[in-house]
Amino acid sequence: MSSTEIIVGLGDFILWTTEILFENIGNLFNDAMIVLGFIGLLIWLRLQHKYNQEAANNPDQLK
């Protein structure tokens, strides 16, 4: 058995497993990543607003 046959066999196995995975999951993973991205964006924006308010109220900071 040559190394090419091993690599091709491994590639075929990975392709087979991902096809099964995507048939069962569908777009659920993509939708979850979009929702998690928006949640992360909202958290970051809220924290940034808090930090900006703290900076505006601190007269000792360098500008």
C-alpha atoms as a PDB file:
ATOM      1  CA  MET A   1       0.000   0.000   0.000  1.00  0.00           C
ATOM      2  CA  SER A   2       1.567   3.283  -1.106  1.00  0.00           C
ATOM      3  CA  SER A   3       1.430   6.581   0.705  1.00  0.00           C
ATOM      4  CA  THR A   4      -0.771   8.005  -2.066  1.00  0.00           C
ATOM      5  CA  GLU A   5      -3.393   5.329  -1.461  1.00  0.00           C
ATOM      6  CA  ILE A   6      -3.358   6.105   2.264  1.00  0.00           C
ATOM      7  CA  ILE A   7      -3.796   9.828   1.683  1.00  0.00           C
ATOM      8  CA  VAL A   8      -6.566   9.305  -0.887  1.00  0.00           C
ATOM      9  CA  GLY A   9      -8.297   6.862   1.461  1.00  0.00           C
ATOM     10  CA  LEU A  10      -8.033   9.334   4.338  1.00  0.00           C
ATOM     11  CA  GLY A  11      -9.436  12.089   2.132  1.00  0.00           C
ATOM     12  CA  ASP A  12     -12.341   9.892   1.061  1.00  0.00           C
ATOM     13  CA  PHE A  13     -13.074   9.044   4.711  1.00  0.00           C
ATOM     14  CA  ILE A  14     -13.059  12.716   5.738  1.00  0.00           C
ATOM     15  CA  LEU A  15     -15.335  13.595   2.813  1.00  0.00           C
ATOM     16  CA  TRP A  16     -17.718  10.767   3.755  1.00  0.00           C
ATOM     17  CA  THR A  17     -17.930  11.875   7.397  1.00  0.00           C
ATOM     18  CA  THR A  18     -18.505  15.532   6.533  1.00  0.00           C
ATOM     19  CA  GLU A  19     -21.243  14.612   4.054  1.00  0.00           C
ATOM     20  CA  ILE A  20     -23.057  12.660   6.780  1.00  0.00           C
ATOM     21  CA  LEU A  21     -22.541  15.515   9.236  1.00  0.00           C
ATOM     22  CA  PHE A  22     -23.841  18.211   6.891  1.00  0.00           C
ATOM     23  CA  GLU A  23     -26.838  16.135   5.806  1.00  0.00           C
ATOM     24  CA  ASN A  24     -27.940  15.847   9.445  1.00  0.00           C
ATOM     25  CA  ILE A  25     -27.064  19.358  10.596  1.00  0.00           C
ATOM     26  CA  GLY A  26     -27.931  21.351   7.493  1.00  0.00           C
ATOM     27  CA  ASN A  27     -27.626  25.096   8.017  1.00  0.00           C
ATOM     28  CA  LEU A  28     -27.970  24.840  11.793  1.00  0.00           C
ATOM     29  CA  PHE A  29     -24.228  25.328  12.328  1.00  0.00           C
ATOM     30  CA  ASN A  30     -24.118  28.373  10.029  1.00  0.00           C
ATOM     31  CA  ASP A  31     -27.149  29.907  11.721  1.00  0.00           C
ATOM     32  CA  ALA A  32     -25.647  29.284  15.160  1.00  0.00           C
ATOM     33  CA  MET A  33     -22.377  30.998  14.149  1.00  0.00           C
ATOM     34  CA  ILE A  34     -24.277  34.049  12.873  1.00  0.00           C
ATOM     35  CA  VAL A  35     -26.322  34.291  16.079  1.00  0.00           C
ATOM     36  CA  LEU A  36     -23.222  33.852  18.259  1.00  0.00           C
ATOM     37  CA  GLY A  37     -21.440  36.520  16.221  1.00  0.00           C
ATOM     38  CA  PHE A  38     -24.225  39.025  16.797  1.00  0.00           C
ATOM     39  CA  ILE A  39     -24.367  38.197  20.509  1.00  0.00           C
ATOM     40  CA  GLY A  40     -20.598  38.732  20.744  1.00  0.00           C
ATOM     41  CA  LEU A  41     -20.922  42.023  18.861  1.00  0.00           C
ATOM     42  CA  LEU A  42     -23.621  43.268  21.238  1.00  0.00           C
ATOM     43  CA  ILE A  43     -21.557  42.305  24.301  1.00  0.00           C
ATOM     44  CA  TRP A  44     -18.489  44.024  22.894  1.00  0.00           C
ATOM     45  CA  LEU A  45     -20.427  47.193  22.025  1.00  0.00           C
ATOM     46  CA  ARG A  46     -21.935  47.333  25.521  1.00  0.00           C
ATOM     47  CA  LEU A  47     -18.513  46.940  27.141  1.00  0.00           C
ATOM     48  CA  GLN A  48     -17.008  49.535  24.814  1.00  0.00           C
ATOM     49  CA  HIS A  49     -19.752  52.001  25.756  1.00  0.00           C
ATOM     50  CA  LYS A  50     -19.014  51.387  29.447  1.00  0.00           C
ATOM     51  CA  TYR A  51     -15.263  51.935  28.903  1.00  0.00           C
ATOM     52  CA  ASN A  52     -15.905  55.122  26.927  1.00  0.00           C
ATOM     53  CA  GLN A  53     -18.060  56.499  29.759  1.00  0.00           C
ATOM     54  CA  GLU A  54     -15.362  55.660  32.327  1.00  0.00           C
ATOM     55  CA  ALA A  55     -12.752  57.388  30.184  1.00  0.00           C
ATOM     56  CA  ALA A  56     -14.922  60.490  29.752  1.00  0.00           C
ATOM     57  CA  ASN A  57     -15.411  60.753  33.528  1.00  0.00           C
ATOM     58  CA  ASN A  58     -11.695  60.345  34.351  1.00  0.00           C
ATOM     59  CA  PRO A  59      -9.896  63.735  34.300  1.00  0.00           C
ATOM     60  CA  ASP A  60      -6.495  62.156  35.058  1.00  0.00           C
ATOM     61  CA  GLN A  61      -6.138  60.285  31.780  1.00  0.00           C
ATOM     62  CA  LEU A  62      -3.756  61.279  29.014  1.00  0.00           C
ATOM     63  CA  LYS A  63      -5.389  62.623  25.893  1.00  0.00           C
END
